[in-house]
Amino acid sequence: MAVTTRSFSFRLDKTLLTVRVRSNMPAPLLLVAALLWFVPWACADGGTLRLSQKRGDLRVSVFTSPTPVRAGVVDISVLVQEERSGQPLADEPVEIRAMIRDIEMPFVVVARGDAATNTLLRCASVSMERAGTWRVEVEVRQEVFAFEMDVAKAAAPWIELGPWIFWPVAAIGVFMLYRKLGS
C-alpha cells in the first residue's frame, strides 16, 4: 500500500493553517483513530449520573466525579429542578451526607453553587478516604434523596501520573515515525 499525503486547511483567528498528514491509512480510518484517542478524556459536565428522582414538585439529579469513584476526594454535584417545568432551582439549599456502611457518623457538607463550574449545579467535595459501600443522602426542602455507591481503593500514584509520563514518549514516537516515513 502506498503512502499518501493529505492536506487539510482551516482558519484559526484569521490565520490559514495547513496540516499535511502522511499515512498509508485511508482518511476516514485516520479520523476515527484520532477521535477514539480522546474518548477516555471526554466527560460530562457534572460527572456520572448516580440518581435522578422526583418527589413532590422536585426532581433531583446527583452526579459524581471522578469515574470510577476511588477513595479520596469525590465531587458530588446536585441539579434541583421543578418537576412540571424542568426549570432549575439554582438557589435551593442542598445538604449532602455521606457515610460508609459500617460507620454511623456521617460526613455532612453543604453544597454550594459557587463551587460548581456549571451554575445550574450545587457542588461539594466529599472526603471518602475508605474503600467500600457508601450511602449518600441529599436533602432538599426536608426531602431526602438517597443512593449507595461503591468506592474502590485509591489508585496507585503512578497511575494518576501515567498520562503526564506517557505523552512525551508518544510525541517522540510520532516524531520518529514521521522521520522514518519522510526518508
N, C-alpha and C. Protein backbone atom coordinates (compact mmCIF):
# COMPACT_ATOMS: atom_id res chain seq x y z
N MET A 1 0.84 -1.18 0.00
CA MET A 1 0.00 0.00 0.00
C MET A 1 0.89 1.23 0.00
N ALA A 2 0.58 2.18 -0.83
CA ALA A 2 1.39 3.38 -0.98
C ALA A 2 1.08 4.38 0.12
N VAL A 3 2.11 5.12 0.50
CA VAL A 3 1.94 6.19 1.48
C VAL A 3 1.35 7.40 0.76
N THR A 4 0.26 7.91 1.30
CA THR A 4 -0.39 9.06 0.68
C THR A 4 -0.25 10.28 1.59
N THR A 5 -0.25 11.43 0.98
CA THR A 5 -0.21 12.69 1.72
C THR A 5 -1.53 13.41 1.53
N ARG A 6 -2.14 13.79 2.63
CA ARG A 6 -3.40 14.52 2.58
C ARG A 6 -3.19 15.87 3.26
N SER A 7 -3.77 16.90 2.69
CA SER A 7 -3.68 18.25 3.26
C SER A 7 -5.04 18.70 3.73
N PHE A 8 -5.08 19.27 4.93
CA PHE A 8 -6.30 19.82 5.48
C PHE A 8 -6.01 21.27 5.84
N SER A 9 -6.82 22.18 5.37
CA SER A 9 -6.61 23.60 5.67
C SER A 9 -7.81 24.14 6.44
N PHE A 10 -7.53 24.99 7.41
CA PHE A 10 -8.60 25.64 8.16
C PHE A 10 -8.09 26.98 8.69
N ARG A 11 -9.02 27.85 9.04
CA ARG A 11 -8.65 29.17 9.55
C ARG A 11 -8.77 29.18 11.07
N LEU A 12 -7.79 29.81 11.70
CA LEU A 12 -7.77 29.98 13.13
C LEU A 12 -7.36 31.41 13.43
N ASP A 13 -8.28 32.23 13.88
CA ASP A 13 -8.01 33.64 14.16
C ASP A 13 -7.34 34.34 12.98
N LYS A 14 -7.97 34.28 11.83
CA LYS A 14 -7.52 34.94 10.60
C LYS A 14 -6.20 34.40 10.05
N THR A 15 -5.75 33.27 10.57
CA THR A 15 -4.52 32.66 10.08
C THR A 15 -4.88 31.34 9.42
N LEU A 16 -4.40 31.14 8.21
CA LEU A 16 -4.67 29.91 7.50
C LEU A 16 -3.65 28.86 7.93
N LEU A 17 -4.14 27.78 8.48
CA LEU A 17 -3.28 26.68 8.89
C LEU A 17 -3.48 25.51 7.93
N THR A 18 -2.41 24.91 7.52
CA THR A 18 -2.48 23.74 6.66
C THR A 18 -1.77 22.59 7.37
N VAL A 19 -2.47 21.48 7.51
CA VAL A 19 -1.92 20.30 8.13
C VAL A 19 -1.77 19.24 7.06
N ARG A 20 -0.57 18.69 6.95
CA ARG A 20 -0.32 17.62 5.99
C ARG A 20 -0.11 16.33 6.76
N VAL A 21 -0.85 15.30 6.38
CA VAL A 21 -0.76 14.01 7.05
C VAL A 21 -0.28 12.99 6.02
N ARG A 22 0.82 12.31 6.37
CA ARG A 22 1.33 11.25 5.50
C ARG A 22 0.97 9.94 6.17
N SER A 23 0.24 9.13 5.44
CA SER A 23 -0.21 7.87 6.02
C SER A 23 -0.58 6.90 4.93
N ASN A 24 -0.49 5.62 5.26
CA ASN A 24 -0.99 4.61 4.34
C ASN A 24 -2.40 4.18 4.77
N MET A 25 -2.95 4.88 5.73
CA MET A 25 -4.29 4.61 6.23
C MET A 25 -5.28 5.50 5.50
N PRO A 26 -6.44 4.97 5.11
CA PRO A 26 -7.45 5.83 4.48
C PRO A 26 -7.87 6.95 5.44
N ALA A 27 -8.22 8.10 4.89
CA ALA A 27 -8.56 9.29 5.69
C ALA A 27 -9.67 9.03 6.70
N PRO A 28 -10.79 8.36 6.34
CA PRO A 28 -11.82 8.15 7.36
C PRO A 28 -11.32 7.30 8.53
N LEU A 29 -10.48 6.31 8.25
CA LEU A 29 -9.95 5.47 9.32
C LEU A 29 -9.00 6.27 10.20
N LEU A 30 -8.22 7.15 9.60
CA LEU A 30 -7.31 8.00 10.35
C LEU A 30 -8.11 8.95 11.26
N LEU A 31 -9.20 9.50 10.75
CA LEU A 31 -10.05 10.39 11.54
C LEU A 31 -10.68 9.65 12.72
N VAL A 32 -11.19 8.44 12.47
CA VAL A 32 -11.80 7.64 13.55
C VAL A 32 -10.75 7.31 14.61
N ALA A 33 -9.55 6.94 14.18
CA ALA A 33 -8.49 6.64 15.14
C ALA A 33 -8.16 7.86 16.00
N ALA A 34 -8.10 9.04 15.38
CA ALA A 34 -7.81 10.26 16.13
C ALA A 34 -8.92 10.58 17.12
N LEU A 35 -10.17 10.40 16.73
CA LEU A 35 -11.29 10.67 17.63
C LEU A 35 -11.33 9.68 18.79
N LEU A 36 -11.06 8.41 18.52
CA LEU A 36 -11.09 7.40 19.58
C LEU A 36 -9.98 7.64 20.60
N TRP A 37 -8.90 8.29 20.19
CA TRP A 37 -7.81 8.58 21.11
C TRP A 37 -8.30 9.45 22.27
N PHE A 38 -9.27 10.36 22.00
CA PHE A 38 -9.72 11.29 23.02
C PHE A 38 -10.94 10.82 23.80
N VAL A 39 -11.52 9.67 23.46
CA VAL A 39 -12.74 9.19 24.12
C VAL A 39 -12.57 9.03 25.63
N PRO A 40 -11.48 8.45 26.15
CA PRO A 40 -11.39 8.30 27.61
C PRO A 40 -11.40 9.61 28.36
N TRP A 41 -11.01 10.73 27.71
CA TRP A 41 -10.97 12.00 28.40
C TRP A 41 -12.25 12.80 28.23
N ALA A 42 -13.20 12.30 27.45
CA ALA A 42 -14.46 13.01 27.26
C ALA A 42 -15.34 12.80 28.50
N CYS A 43 -15.79 13.86 29.11
CA CYS A 43 -16.58 13.76 30.34
C CYS A 43 -17.80 14.66 30.24
N ALA A 44 -18.83 14.25 30.94
CA ALA A 44 -20.00 15.11 31.06
C ALA A 44 -19.65 16.21 32.06
N ASP A 45 -20.45 17.27 32.11
CA ASP A 45 -20.13 18.41 32.94
C ASP A 45 -20.10 18.07 34.42
N GLY A 46 -21.08 17.31 34.90
CA GLY A 46 -21.16 17.04 36.33
C GLY A 46 -20.63 15.70 36.75
N GLY A 47 -20.25 14.84 35.82
CA GLY A 47 -19.76 13.51 36.15
C GLY A 47 -20.77 12.44 35.79
N THR A 48 -20.72 11.33 36.52
CA THR A 48 -21.60 10.19 36.28
C THR A 48 -22.93 10.38 37.02
N LEU A 49 -24.03 10.18 36.32
CA LEU A 49 -25.35 10.30 36.95
C LEU A 49 -25.55 9.13 37.91
N ARG A 50 -25.77 9.42 39.17
CA ARG A 50 -25.97 8.38 40.20
C ARG A 50 -27.43 8.26 40.62
N LEU A 51 -28.18 9.34 40.50
CA LEU A 51 -29.56 9.34 40.98
C LEU A 51 -30.34 10.42 40.25
N SER A 52 -31.55 10.09 39.86
CA SER A 52 -32.48 11.07 39.34
C SER A 52 -33.87 10.65 39.80
N GLN A 53 -34.40 11.38 40.76
CA GLN A 53 -35.69 11.04 41.35
C GLN A 53 -36.56 12.27 41.45
N LYS A 54 -37.88 12.01 41.40
CA LYS A 54 -38.81 13.10 41.65
C LYS A 54 -39.57 12.81 42.93
N ARG A 55 -39.82 13.87 43.66
CA ARG A 55 -40.58 13.76 44.88
C ARG A 55 -41.31 15.07 45.06
N GLY A 56 -42.63 15.00 45.12
CA GLY A 56 -43.42 16.22 45.22
C GLY A 56 -43.26 17.03 43.95
N ASP A 57 -42.91 18.30 44.11
CA ASP A 57 -42.73 19.18 42.94
C ASP A 57 -41.26 19.33 42.55
N LEU A 58 -40.39 18.42 43.05
CA LEU A 58 -38.96 18.50 42.77
C LEU A 58 -38.46 17.29 41.98
N ARG A 59 -37.47 17.52 41.16
CA ARG A 59 -36.68 16.45 40.55
C ARG A 59 -35.24 16.75 40.93
N VAL A 60 -34.58 15.76 41.53
CA VAL A 60 -33.20 15.91 41.97
C VAL A 60 -32.34 14.90 41.22
N SER A 61 -31.25 15.39 40.61
CA SER A 61 -30.29 14.54 39.92
C SER A 61 -28.94 14.74 40.58
N VAL A 62 -28.25 13.63 40.85
CA VAL A 62 -26.97 13.69 41.54
C VAL A 62 -25.90 13.08 40.63
N PHE A 63 -24.77 13.80 40.50
CA PHE A 63 -23.65 13.36 39.67
C PHE A 63 -22.41 13.24 40.55
N THR A 64 -21.55 12.27 40.24
CA THR A 64 -20.29 12.14 40.97
C THR A 64 -19.11 12.12 39.99
N SER A 65 -18.01 12.61 40.49
CA SER A 65 -16.78 12.62 39.71
C SER A 65 -15.63 12.42 40.68
N PRO A 66 -14.63 11.65 40.38
CA PRO A 66 -14.24 11.04 39.11
C PRO A 66 -14.96 9.73 38.87
N THR A 67 -14.77 9.21 37.69
CA THR A 67 -15.32 7.91 37.33
C THR A 67 -14.17 7.01 36.93
N PRO A 68 -14.02 5.85 37.54
CA PRO A 68 -14.78 5.32 38.67
C PRO A 68 -14.42 6.05 39.96
N VAL A 69 -15.34 5.99 40.92
CA VAL A 69 -15.11 6.64 42.21
C VAL A 69 -14.08 5.82 42.97
N ARG A 70 -13.04 6.50 43.39
CA ARG A 70 -11.97 5.86 44.18
C ARG A 70 -11.82 6.60 45.50
N ALA A 71 -11.23 5.93 46.48
CA ALA A 71 -11.01 6.54 47.78
C ALA A 71 -10.24 7.85 47.61
N GLY A 72 -10.69 8.87 48.30
CA GLY A 72 -10.10 10.20 48.19
C GLY A 72 -11.21 11.23 48.11
N VAL A 73 -10.93 12.35 47.51
CA VAL A 73 -11.92 13.42 47.39
C VAL A 73 -12.82 13.14 46.20
N VAL A 74 -14.13 13.17 46.43
CA VAL A 74 -15.14 12.92 45.40
C VAL A 74 -15.99 14.18 45.27
N ASP A 75 -16.16 14.64 44.05
CA ASP A 75 -17.04 15.79 43.80
C ASP A 75 -18.45 15.28 43.58
N ILE A 76 -19.38 15.83 44.34
CA ILE A 76 -20.79 15.47 44.20
C ILE A 76 -21.53 16.74 43.76
N SER A 77 -22.19 16.64 42.61
CA SER A 77 -22.93 17.78 42.06
C SER A 77 -24.42 17.43 42.05
N VAL A 78 -25.25 18.40 42.39
CA VAL A 78 -26.69 18.18 42.50
C VAL A 78 -27.42 19.20 41.62
N LEU A 79 -28.33 18.69 40.81
CA LEU A 79 -29.20 19.53 39.99
C LEU A 79 -30.60 19.41 40.55
N VAL A 80 -31.17 20.53 41.00
CA VAL A 80 -32.53 20.57 41.53
C VAL A 80 -33.40 21.28 40.51
N GLN A 81 -34.52 20.62 40.12
CA GLN A 81 -35.42 21.19 39.12
C GLN A 81 -36.86 21.13 39.59
N GLU A 82 -37.67 22.05 39.05
CA GLU A 82 -39.12 21.95 39.22
C GLU A 82 -39.58 20.78 38.37
N GLU A 83 -40.41 19.92 38.92
CA GLU A 83 -40.84 18.73 38.19
C GLU A 83 -41.66 19.08 36.95
N ARG A 84 -42.60 19.99 37.08
CA ARG A 84 -43.50 20.29 35.95
C ARG A 84 -42.80 20.98 34.80
N SER A 85 -42.07 22.05 35.09
CA SER A 85 -41.48 22.87 34.03
C SER A 85 -40.06 22.45 33.67
N GLY A 86 -39.37 21.74 34.56
CA GLY A 86 -37.99 21.38 34.31
C GLY A 86 -37.02 22.52 34.60
N GLN A 87 -37.54 23.65 35.11
CA GLN A 87 -36.70 24.80 35.40
C GLN A 87 -35.74 24.47 36.55
N PRO A 88 -34.47 24.79 36.41
CA PRO A 88 -33.53 24.56 37.52
C PRO A 88 -33.76 25.54 38.66
N LEU A 89 -33.63 25.05 39.87
CA LEU A 89 -33.75 25.87 41.07
C LEU A 89 -32.35 26.01 41.66
N ALA A 90 -31.57 26.89 41.09
CA ALA A 90 -30.15 27.02 41.44
C ALA A 90 -29.92 27.59 42.83
N ASP A 91 -30.91 28.29 43.41
CA ASP A 91 -30.73 28.90 44.73
C ASP A 91 -31.23 28.02 45.87
N GLU A 92 -31.69 26.84 45.56
CA GLU A 92 -32.24 25.93 46.57
C GLU A 92 -31.11 25.39 47.45
N PRO A 93 -31.22 25.51 48.80
CA PRO A 93 -30.17 24.95 49.67
C PRO A 93 -30.14 23.42 49.59
N VAL A 94 -28.92 22.87 49.53
CA VAL A 94 -28.73 21.43 49.40
C VAL A 94 -27.72 20.98 50.45
N GLU A 95 -28.07 19.92 51.18
CA GLU A 95 -27.16 19.34 52.16
C GLU A 95 -26.85 17.91 51.73
N ILE A 96 -25.57 17.55 51.80
CA ILE A 96 -25.14 16.20 51.40
C ILE A 96 -24.54 15.50 52.62
N ARG A 97 -25.00 14.28 52.87
CA ARG A 97 -24.44 13.45 53.93
C ARG A 97 -23.89 12.18 53.28
N ALA A 98 -22.68 11.82 53.64
CA ALA A 98 -22.08 10.60 53.12
C ALA A 98 -21.54 9.79 54.29
N MET A 99 -21.84 8.50 54.29
CA MET A 99 -21.36 7.63 55.36
C MET A 99 -21.04 6.26 54.80
N ILE A 100 -19.97 5.67 55.30
CA ILE A 100 -19.63 4.32 54.88
C ILE A 100 -20.56 3.37 55.64
N ARG A 101 -20.89 2.26 55.06
CA ARG A 101 -21.94 1.38 55.56
C ARG A 101 -21.76 0.98 57.03
N ASP A 102 -20.56 0.63 57.48
CA ASP A 102 -20.39 0.12 58.84
C ASP A 102 -20.07 1.20 59.88
N ILE A 103 -20.10 2.46 59.50
CA ILE A 103 -19.84 3.55 60.44
C ILE A 103 -21.07 4.46 60.48
N GLU A 104 -21.52 4.76 61.69
CA GLU A 104 -22.74 5.55 61.85
C GLU A 104 -22.54 7.04 61.64
N MET A 105 -21.34 7.57 61.90
CA MET A 105 -21.10 9.00 61.83
C MET A 105 -21.01 9.48 60.39
N PRO A 106 -21.97 10.29 59.92
CA PRO A 106 -21.92 10.76 58.53
C PRO A 106 -20.98 11.95 58.36
N PHE A 107 -20.49 12.10 57.15
CA PHE A 107 -19.73 13.28 56.75
C PHE A 107 -20.76 14.21 56.12
N VAL A 108 -20.97 15.39 56.71
CA VAL A 108 -22.01 16.32 56.27
C VAL A 108 -21.37 17.55 55.64
N VAL A 109 -21.89 17.96 54.48
CA VAL A 109 -21.38 19.13 53.79
C VAL A 109 -22.54 19.82 53.09
N VAL A 110 -22.48 21.14 53.00
CA VAL A 110 -23.50 21.92 52.29
C VAL A 110 -22.98 22.16 50.89
N ALA A 111 -23.77 21.79 49.90
CA ALA A 111 -23.39 22.00 48.51
C ALA A 111 -23.61 23.46 48.15
N ARG A 112 -22.63 24.05 47.47
CA ARG A 112 -22.69 25.47 47.13
C ARG A 112 -22.70 25.64 45.62
N GLY A 113 -23.37 26.66 45.17
CA GLY A 113 -23.41 26.97 43.74
C GLY A 113 -22.11 27.56 43.23
N ASP A 114 -21.40 28.30 44.08
CA ASP A 114 -20.15 28.93 43.62
C ASP A 114 -19.00 27.94 43.51
N ALA A 115 -19.17 26.72 44.03
CA ALA A 115 -18.13 25.70 43.92
C ALA A 115 -18.24 24.92 42.62
N ALA A 116 -19.35 25.07 41.89
CA ALA A 116 -19.57 24.31 40.66
C ALA A 116 -19.15 25.13 39.45
N THR A 117 -18.67 24.43 38.42
CA THR A 117 -18.35 25.13 37.17
C THR A 117 -19.61 25.40 36.37
N ASN A 118 -20.64 24.60 36.56
CA ASN A 118 -21.93 24.80 35.92
C ASN A 118 -22.83 25.52 36.92
N THR A 119 -23.33 26.69 36.56
CA THR A 119 -24.11 27.50 37.50
C THR A 119 -25.45 26.87 37.87
N LEU A 120 -25.89 25.85 37.15
CA LEU A 120 -27.15 25.18 37.47
C LEU A 120 -26.97 24.13 38.56
N LEU A 121 -25.74 23.76 38.86
CA LEU A 121 -25.47 22.69 39.82
C LEU A 121 -25.03 23.26 41.16
N ARG A 122 -25.34 22.51 42.22
CA ARG A 122 -24.80 22.76 43.55
C ARG A 122 -23.72 21.70 43.73
N CYS A 123 -22.54 22.08 44.21
CA CYS A 123 -21.41 21.17 44.23
C CYS A 123 -20.76 21.13 45.60
N ALA A 124 -20.24 19.95 45.96
CA ALA A 124 -19.48 19.80 47.21
C ALA A 124 -18.41 18.74 47.00
N SER A 125 -17.28 18.93 47.66
CA SER A 125 -16.22 17.93 47.66
C SER A 125 -16.32 17.15 48.95
N VAL A 126 -16.44 15.84 48.82
CA VAL A 126 -16.62 14.97 49.98
C VAL A 126 -15.40 14.06 50.08
N SER A 127 -14.84 13.97 51.28
CA SER A 127 -13.66 13.13 51.50
C SER A 127 -14.12 11.71 51.82
N MET A 128 -13.93 10.82 50.87
CA MET A 128 -14.27 9.40 51.04
C MET A 128 -12.96 8.63 51.07
N GLU A 129 -12.34 8.60 52.24
CA GLU A 129 -10.98 8.07 52.36
C GLU A 129 -10.90 6.55 52.44
N ARG A 130 -12.03 5.88 52.62
CA ARG A 130 -12.01 4.42 52.72
C ARG A 130 -12.77 3.79 51.57
N ALA A 131 -12.25 2.68 51.08
CA ALA A 131 -12.95 1.91 50.06
C ALA A 131 -14.11 1.17 50.72
N GLY A 132 -15.16 0.94 49.97
CA GLY A 132 -16.33 0.23 50.49
C GLY A 132 -17.60 0.80 49.91
N THR A 133 -18.74 0.38 50.46
CA THR A 133 -20.03 0.88 50.01
C THR A 133 -20.42 2.09 50.85
N TRP A 134 -20.66 3.20 50.19
CA TRP A 134 -21.03 4.44 50.85
C TRP A 134 -22.49 4.75 50.57
N ARG A 135 -23.18 5.26 51.56
CA ARG A 135 -24.55 5.75 51.40
C ARG A 135 -24.48 7.27 51.34
N VAL A 136 -25.06 7.82 50.30
CA VAL A 136 -25.07 9.27 50.12
C VAL A 136 -26.52 9.74 50.20
N GLU A 137 -26.77 10.73 51.04
CA GLU A 137 -28.10 11.30 51.18
C GLU A 137 -28.03 12.78 50.80
N VAL A 138 -28.95 13.19 49.95
CA VAL A 138 -29.04 14.58 49.52
C VAL A 138 -30.36 15.12 50.05
N GLU A 139 -30.29 16.20 50.84
CA GLU A 139 -31.51 16.77 51.43
C GLU A 139 -31.81 18.12 50.78
N VAL A 140 -33.03 18.20 50.23
CA VAL A 140 -33.53 19.42 49.62
C VAL A 140 -34.94 19.63 50.14
N ARG A 141 -35.22 20.79 50.73
CA ARG A 141 -36.56 21.10 51.29
C ARG A 141 -37.06 19.99 52.22
N GLN A 142 -36.23 19.50 53.07
CA GLN A 142 -36.52 18.43 54.03
C GLN A 142 -36.90 17.10 53.36
N GLU A 143 -36.69 16.98 52.08
CA GLU A 143 -36.86 15.71 51.37
C GLU A 143 -35.48 15.09 51.23
N VAL A 144 -35.37 13.79 51.53
CA VAL A 144 -34.08 13.11 51.46
C VAL A 144 -34.08 12.17 50.26
N PHE A 145 -33.08 12.35 49.41
CA PHE A 145 -32.87 11.51 48.24
C PHE A 145 -31.59 10.73 48.52
N ALA A 146 -31.66 9.39 48.51
CA ALA A 146 -30.51 8.59 48.92
C ALA A 146 -30.15 7.55 47.86
N PHE A 147 -28.88 7.22 47.83
CA PHE A 147 -28.37 6.14 46.97
C PHE A 147 -27.09 5.60 47.58
N GLU A 148 -26.71 4.41 47.15
CA GLU A 148 -25.47 3.81 47.59
C GLU A 148 -24.53 3.69 46.40
N MET A 149 -23.25 3.81 46.67
CA MET A 149 -22.26 3.63 45.60
C MET A 149 -21.02 2.98 46.18
N ASP A 150 -20.36 2.21 45.33
CA ASP A 150 -19.13 1.54 45.72
C ASP A 150 -17.96 2.46 45.43
N VAL A 151 -17.10 2.59 46.43
CA VAL A 151 -15.88 3.37 46.30
C VAL A 151 -14.72 2.39 46.28
N ALA A 152 -13.96 2.42 45.19
CA ALA A 152 -12.83 1.50 45.02
C ALA A 152 -11.63 2.01 45.81
N LYS A 153 -10.63 1.13 45.95
CA LYS A 153 -9.38 1.53 46.59
C LYS A 153 -8.75 2.65 45.79
N ALA A 154 -7.97 3.47 46.47
CA ALA A 154 -7.28 4.58 45.80
C ALA A 154 -6.31 4.02 44.77
N ALA A 155 -6.21 4.71 43.65
CA ALA A 155 -5.29 4.29 42.59
C ALA A 155 -3.85 4.56 43.04
N ALA A 156 -2.95 3.75 42.53
CA ALA A 156 -1.53 3.99 42.81
C ALA A 156 -1.14 5.35 42.23
N PRO A 157 -0.29 6.08 42.91
CA PRO A 157 0.07 7.43 42.43
C PRO A 157 0.64 7.43 41.01
N TRP A 158 1.37 6.41 40.63
CA TRP A 158 1.97 6.40 39.29
C TRP A 158 0.90 6.26 38.21
N ILE A 159 -0.26 5.67 38.53
CA ILE A 159 -1.33 5.54 37.54
C ILE A 159 -1.92 6.92 37.23
N GLU A 160 -2.09 7.74 38.27
CA GLU A 160 -2.60 9.09 38.05
C GLU A 160 -1.61 9.95 37.29
N LEU A 161 -0.33 9.68 37.45
CA LEU A 161 0.70 10.44 36.74
C LEU A 161 1.00 9.85 35.36
N GLY A 162 0.44 8.69 35.05
CA GLY A 162 0.70 8.00 33.80
C GLY A 162 0.55 8.85 32.55
N PRO A 163 -0.57 9.56 32.37
CA PRO A 163 -0.70 10.38 31.16
C PRO A 163 0.40 11.43 31.04
N TRP A 164 0.84 12.00 32.15
CA TRP A 164 1.89 13.02 32.11
C TRP A 164 3.23 12.40 31.75
N ILE A 165 3.43 11.15 32.13
CA ILE A 165 4.67 10.46 31.79
C ILE A 165 4.61 9.97 30.34
N PHE A 166 3.43 9.53 29.91
CA PHE A 166 3.30 8.90 28.59
C PHE A 166 3.33 9.88 27.44
N TRP A 167 2.76 11.07 27.59
CA TRP A 167 2.62 11.94 26.41
C TRP A 167 3.96 12.34 25.79
N PRO A 168 5.03 12.58 26.56
CA PRO A 168 6.30 12.86 25.86
C PRO A 168 6.82 11.65 25.08
N VAL A 169 6.62 10.46 25.62
CA VAL A 169 7.05 9.24 24.92
C VAL A 169 6.25 9.10 23.62
N ALA A 170 4.95 9.38 23.68
CA ALA A 170 4.11 9.29 22.48
C ALA A 170 4.54 10.34 21.46
N ALA A 171 4.85 11.55 21.91
CA ALA A 171 5.28 12.60 20.99
C ALA A 171 6.60 12.23 20.31
N ILE A 172 7.53 11.67 21.06
CA ILE A 172 8.81 11.24 20.49
C ILE A 172 8.57 10.11 19.48
N GLY A 173 7.66 9.19 19.83
CA GLY A 173 7.34 8.09 18.91
C GLY A 173 6.74 8.59 17.60
N VAL A 174 5.84 9.56 17.69
CA VAL A 174 5.24 10.13 16.47
C VAL A 174 6.30 10.84 15.65
N PHE A 175 7.20 11.57 16.32
CA PHE A 175 8.27 12.26 15.60
C PHE A 175 9.18 11.26 14.89
N MET A 176 9.53 10.17 15.58
CA MET A 176 10.40 9.16 14.97
C MET A 176 9.70 8.50 13.78
N LEU A 177 8.41 8.23 13.92
CA LEU A 177 7.65 7.63 12.82
C LEU A 177 7.59 8.59 11.64
N TYR A 178 7.41 9.87 11.90
CA TYR A 178 7.38 10.88 10.84
C TYR A 178 8.72 10.93 10.11
N ARG A 179 9.80 10.90 10.89
CA ARG A 179 11.14 10.93 10.26
C ARG A 179 11.39 9.69 9.42
N LYS A 180 10.93 8.54 9.90
CA LYS A 180 11.14 7.29 9.17
C LYS A 180 10.33 7.29 7.88
N LEU A 181 9.06 7.75 7.96
CA LEU A 181 8.21 7.79 6.77
C LEU A 181 8.67 8.87 5.78
N GLY A 182 9.30 9.92 6.30
CA GLY A 182 9.75 11.02 5.46
C GLY A 182 11.01 10.71 4.67
N SER A 183 11.76 9.74 5.15
CA SER A 183 13.02 9.45 4.43
C SER A 183 12.88 8.34 3.42
